Amino acid sequence: MYAVFQTGGKQFRAEPGDRIRVPSLEAEPGETITFERVLVASNGSDVSIGAPLVDGASVTAEVVRHGRDKKVVVFRRKRRKGYRRKKGHRQGFTEVRVSQVVL
């Protein structure tokens, strides 16, 4: 049983028991959240594809923790001009544990 859901402008494949890093959510660790925007759902034999969403399907998950990813270095330069800029970025994430996929 799995589902493909959308949150934060990205799509994720989820099965019960999976730990997934999604873009930052406003929820405390230990809270239960539900993702309603399910695009594809399967119970093992049947696959339901939404147009654009699957009716009545949802993914329930528990917030495990919040964190920040590894640093990505953005370096800009222009040749022969002495122009250099170095900037770092760390994207925030929320790690969730999928507890249930409802079709």
C-alpha atoms as a PDB file:
ATOM      1  CA  MET A   1       0.000   0.000   0.000  1.00  0.00           C
ATOM      2  CA  TYR A   2       1.455   3.365  -1.018  1.00  0.00           C
ATOM      3  CA  ALA A   3       0.476   6.873  -2.018  1.00  0.00           C
ATOM      4  CA  VAL A   4       2.063   9.810  -3.802  1.00  0.00           C
ATOM      5  CA  PHE A   5       1.181  13.086  -2.080  1.00  0.00           C
ATOM      6  CA  GLN A   6       2.095  16.715  -2.557  1.00  0.00           C
ATOM      7  CA  THR A   7       3.291  19.218   0.038  1.00  0.00           C
ATOM      8  CA  GLY A   8       5.470  22.292  -0.201  1.00  0.00           C
ATOM      9  CA  GLY A   9       5.358  22.193  -4.007  1.00  0.00           C
ATOM     10  CA  LYS A  10       7.033  18.761  -4.121  1.00  0.00           C
ATOM     11  CA  GLN A  11       5.761  15.199  -4.468  1.00  0.00           C
ATOM     12  CA  PHE A  12       6.624  12.284  -2.174  1.00  0.00           C
ATOM     13  CA  ARG A  13       5.971   8.536  -2.289  1.00  0.00           C
ATOM     14  CA  ALA A  14       4.847   7.196   1.083  1.00  0.00           C
ATOM     15  CA  GLU A  15       4.255   3.767   2.589  1.00  0.00           C
ATOM     16  CA  PRO A  16       3.271   3.070   6.217  1.00  0.00           C
ATOM     17  CA  GLY A  17       6.408   3.125   8.372  1.00  0.00           C
ATOM     18  CA  ASP A  18       8.471   5.347   6.035  1.00  0.00           C
ATOM     19  CA  ARG A  19      10.411   8.340   7.362  1.00  0.00           C
ATOM     20  CA  ILE A  20      10.277  11.218   4.882  1.00  0.00           C
ATOM     21  CA  ARG A  21      11.884  14.669   4.893  1.00  0.00           C
ATOM     22  CA  VAL A  22       9.379  17.240   3.628  1.00  0.00           C
ATOM     23  CA  PRO A  23       9.760  21.038   3.399  1.00  0.00           C
ATOM     24  CA  SER A  24       9.286  22.755   6.760  1.00  0.00           C
ATOM     25  CA  LEU A  25       5.832  22.483   8.321  1.00  0.00           C
ATOM     26  CA  GLU A  26       4.397  24.424  11.236  1.00  0.00           C
ATOM     27  CA  ALA A  27       3.843  21.510  13.596  1.00  0.00           C
ATOM     28  CA  GLU A  28       5.519  20.445  16.822  1.00  0.00           C
ATOM     29  CA  PRO A  29       7.345  17.108  17.148  1.00  0.00           C
ATOM     30  CA  GLY A  30       4.869  14.451  18.249  1.00  0.00           C
ATOM     31  CA  GLU A  31       1.905  16.048  16.462  1.00  0.00           C
ATOM     32  CA  THR A  32      -0.099  14.119  13.872  1.00  0.00           C
ATOM     33  CA  ILE A  33      -0.630  15.747  10.493  1.00  0.00           C
ATOM     34  CA  THR A  34      -2.705  14.706   7.483  1.00  0.00           C
ATOM     35  CA  PHE A  35      -1.791  15.288   3.850  1.00  0.00           C
ATOM     36  CA  GLU A  36      -4.976  15.566   1.766  1.00  0.00           C
ATOM     37  CA  ARG A  37      -3.393  16.260  -1.632  1.00  0.00           C
ATOM     38  CA  VAL A  38      -2.968  12.639  -2.780  1.00  0.00           C
ATOM     39  CA  LEU A  39      -2.169  12.266  -6.491  1.00  0.00           C
ATOM     40  CA  VAL A  40      -1.795   8.458  -6.759  1.00  0.00           C
ATOM     41  CA  ALA A  41      -2.880   5.731  -4.337  1.00  0.00           C
ATOM     42  CA  SER A  42      -2.492   1.964  -4.441  1.00  0.00           C
ATOM     43  CA  ASN A  43      -3.646  -0.850  -2.154  1.00  0.00           C
ATOM     44  CA  GLY A  44      -1.353  -3.454  -3.722  1.00  0.00           C
ATOM     45  CA  SER A  45      -3.544  -4.640  -6.583  1.00  0.00           C
ATOM     46  CA  ASP A  46      -5.528  -1.563  -7.660  1.00  0.00           C
ATOM     47  CA  VAL A  47      -3.986   1.793  -8.526  1.00  0.00           C
ATOM     48  CA  SER A  48      -6.093   4.959  -8.278  1.00  0.00           C
ATOM     49  CA  ILE A  49      -4.842   7.937 -10.260  1.00  0.00           C
ATOM     50  CA  GLY A  50      -6.384  11.292  -9.464  1.00  0.00           C
ATOM     51  CA  ALA A  51      -7.493  13.928 -11.905  1.00  0.00           C
ATOM     52  CA  PRO A  52      -5.815  15.837 -10.280  1.00  0.00           C
ATOM     53  CA  LEU A  53      -6.494  14.376  -6.786  1.00  0.00           C
ATOM     54  CA  VAL A  54      -7.773  11.018  -5.531  1.00  0.00           C
ATOM     55  CA  ASP A  55     -11.124  11.527  -3.775  1.00  0.00           C
ATOM     56  CA  GLY A  56     -11.169  10.508  -0.104  1.00  0.00           C
ATOM     57  CA  ALA A  57      -7.491   9.541   0.018  1.00  0.00           C
ATOM     58  CA  SER A  58      -5.114  10.902   2.636  1.00  0.00           C
ATOM     59  CA  VAL A  59      -1.754  10.222   4.256  1.00  0.00           C
ATOM     60  CA  THR A  60      -1.453  10.478   8.039  1.00  0.00           C
ATOM     61  CA  ALA A  61       1.975  11.052   9.558  1.00  0.00           C
ATOM     62  CA  GLU A  62       3.614  11.954  12.866  1.00  0.00           C
ATOM     63  CA  VAL A  63       6.175  14.763  13.067  1.00  0.00           C
ATOM     64  CA  VAL A  64       9.493  13.331  14.275  1.00  0.00           C
ATOM     65  CA  ARG A  65      11.780  16.383  14.193  1.00  0.00           C
ATOM     66  CA  HIS A  66      12.760  19.595  12.458  1.00  0.00           C
ATOM     67  CA  GLY A  67      16.202  20.213  11.057  1.00  0.00           C
ATOM     68  CA  ARG A  68      18.334  21.761   8.358  1.00  0.00           C
ATOM     69  CA  ASP A  69      20.031  20.031   5.415  1.00  0.00           C
ATOM     70  CA  LYS A  70      23.696  20.128   4.511  1.00  0.00           C
ATOM     71  CA  LYS A  71      25.102  23.429   3.332  1.00  0.00           C
ATOM     72  CA  VAL A  72      24.959  24.206  -0.373  1.00  0.00           C
ATOM     73  CA  VAL A  73      27.611  26.695  -1.501  1.00  0.00           C
ATOM     74  CA  VAL A  74      26.614  29.239  -4.149  1.00  0.00           C
ATOM     75  CA  PHE A  75      29.675  30.791  -5.785  1.00  0.00           C
ATOM     76  CA  ARG A  76      29.460  33.498  -8.435  1.00  0.00           C
ATOM     77  CA  ARG A  77      32.302  35.000 -10.398  1.00  0.00           C
ATOM     78  CA  LYS A  78      32.938  36.944 -13.562  1.00  0.00           C
ATOM     79  CA  ARG A  79      36.082  36.219 -15.455  1.00  0.00           C
ATOM     80  CA  ARG A  80      38.781  38.899 -15.661  1.00  0.00           C
ATOM     81  CA  LYS A  81      36.787  41.347 -13.502  1.00  0.00           C
ATOM     82  CA  GLY A  82      37.697  40.289  -9.962  1.00  0.00           C
ATOM     83  CA  TYR A  83      34.017  39.778  -9.114  1.00  0.00           C
ATOM     84  CA  ARG A  84      33.473  36.937  -6.617  1.00  0.00           C
ATOM     85  CA  ARG A  85      30.608  36.240  -4.230  1.00  0.00           C
ATOM     86  CA  LYS A  86      30.337  33.203  -1.988  1.00  0.00           C
ATOM     87  CA  LYS A  87      27.098  32.412  -0.223  1.00  0.00           C
ATOM     88  CA  GLY A  88      25.883  29.359   1.695  1.00  0.00           C
ATOM     89  CA  HIS A  89      22.344  28.055   2.105  1.00  0.00           C
ATOM     90  CA  ARG A  90      20.812  25.414   4.378  1.00  0.00           C
ATOM     91  CA  GLN A  91      17.251  24.378   3.576  1.00  0.00           C
ATOM     92  CA  GLY A  92      14.966  23.618   6.502  1.00  0.00           C
ATOM     93  CA  PHE A  93      13.011  20.357   6.633  1.00  0.00           C
ATOM     94  CA  THR A  94      10.515  18.460   8.766  1.00  0.00           C
ATOM     95  CA  GLU A  95      10.991  14.717   9.172  1.00  0.00           C
ATOM     96  CA  VAL A  96       7.741  12.746   9.408  1.00  0.00           C
ATOM     97  CA  ARG A  97       6.946   9.072  10.002  1.00  0.00           C
ATOM     98  CA  VAL A  98       4.053   7.835   7.869  1.00  0.00           C
ATOM     99  CA  SER A  99       1.581   5.948  10.022  1.00  0.00           C
ATOM    100  CA  GLN A 100      -1.366   5.376   7.699  1.00  0.00           C
ATOM    101  CA  VAL A 101      -2.387   5.607   4.050  1.00  0.00           C
ATOM    102  CA  VAL A 102      -6.168   5.908   3.637  1.00  0.00           C
ATOM    103  CA  LEU A 103      -7.717   5.181   0.234  1.00  0.00           C
END
